[in-house]
């Protein structure tokens, strides 16, 4: 996945994470507390 996802809020992660809903949740959890 592109590094831009880390800079973008959790909302964009959902749109940029069509590969797997399970992985999207893990990325969102990292962005929220970070």
C-alpha atoms as a PDB file:
ATOM      1  CA  UNK A   1       0.000   0.000   0.000  1.00  0.00           C
ATOM      2  CA  UNK A   2       1.227   3.549  -0.733  1.00  0.00           C
ATOM      3  CA  UNK A   3       2.716   5.549   2.161  1.00  0.00           C
ATOM      4  CA  UNK A   4       0.140   8.263   1.613  1.00  0.00           C
ATOM      5  CA  UNK A   5      -2.373   6.151   3.532  1.00  0.00           C
ATOM      6  CA  UNK A   6      -0.399   6.694   6.739  1.00  0.00           C
ATOM      7  CA  UNK A   7      -0.591  10.466   6.297  1.00  0.00           C
ATOM      8  CA  UNK A   8      -4.298  10.433   5.476  1.00  0.00           C
ATOM      9  CA  UNK A   9      -7.051  10.088   8.112  1.00  0.00           C
ATOM     10  CA  UNK A  10      -8.857   6.824   8.828  1.00  0.00           C
ATOM     11  CA  UNK A  11     -11.690   7.804   6.510  1.00  0.00           C
ATOM     12  CA  UNK A  12      -9.473   7.694   3.426  1.00  0.00           C
ATOM     13  CA  UNK A  13      -7.953   4.407   4.587  1.00  0.00           C
ATOM     14  CA  UNK A  14     -11.347   2.755   4.160  1.00  0.00           C
ATOM     15  CA  UNK A  15     -11.483   3.956   0.541  1.00  0.00           C
ATOM     16  CA  UNK A  16      -7.844   3.104  -0.128  1.00  0.00           C
ATOM     17  CA  UNK A  17      -8.091  -0.342   1.473  1.00  0.00           C
ATOM     18  CA  UNK A  18     -10.340  -2.335  -0.890  1.00  0.00           C
ATOM     19  CA  UNK A  19      -7.901  -5.256  -0.761  1.00  0.00           C
ATOM     20  CA  UNK A  20      -9.174  -6.502   2.591  1.00  0.00           C
ATOM     21  CA  UNK A  21     -11.633  -5.207   5.180  1.00  0.00           C
ATOM     22  CA  UNK A  22      -9.696  -6.963   7.961  1.00  0.00           C
ATOM     23  CA  UNK A  23      -6.469  -5.154   7.043  1.00  0.00           C
ATOM     24  CA  UNK A  24      -8.300  -1.837   6.765  1.00  0.00           C
ATOM     25  CA  UNK A  25      -9.297  -2.115  10.428  1.00  0.00           C
ATOM     26  CA  UNK A  26      -5.684  -2.682  11.482  1.00  0.00           C
ATOM     27  CA  UNK A  27      -4.490   0.373   9.540  1.00  0.00           C
ATOM     28  CA  UNK A  28      -7.291   2.560  10.904  1.00  0.00           C
ATOM     29  CA  UNK A  29      -6.429   1.561  14.487  1.00  0.00           C
ATOM     30  CA  UNK A  30      -2.816   2.626  13.917  1.00  0.00           C
ATOM     31  CA  UNK A  31      -3.776   6.000  12.449  1.00  0.00           C
ATOM     32  CA  UNK A  32      -6.351   6.914  15.120  1.00  0.00           C
ATOM     33  CA  UNK A  33      -3.998   6.677  18.160  1.00  0.00           C
ATOM     34  CA  UNK A  34      -1.047   7.895  16.105  1.00  0.00           C
END
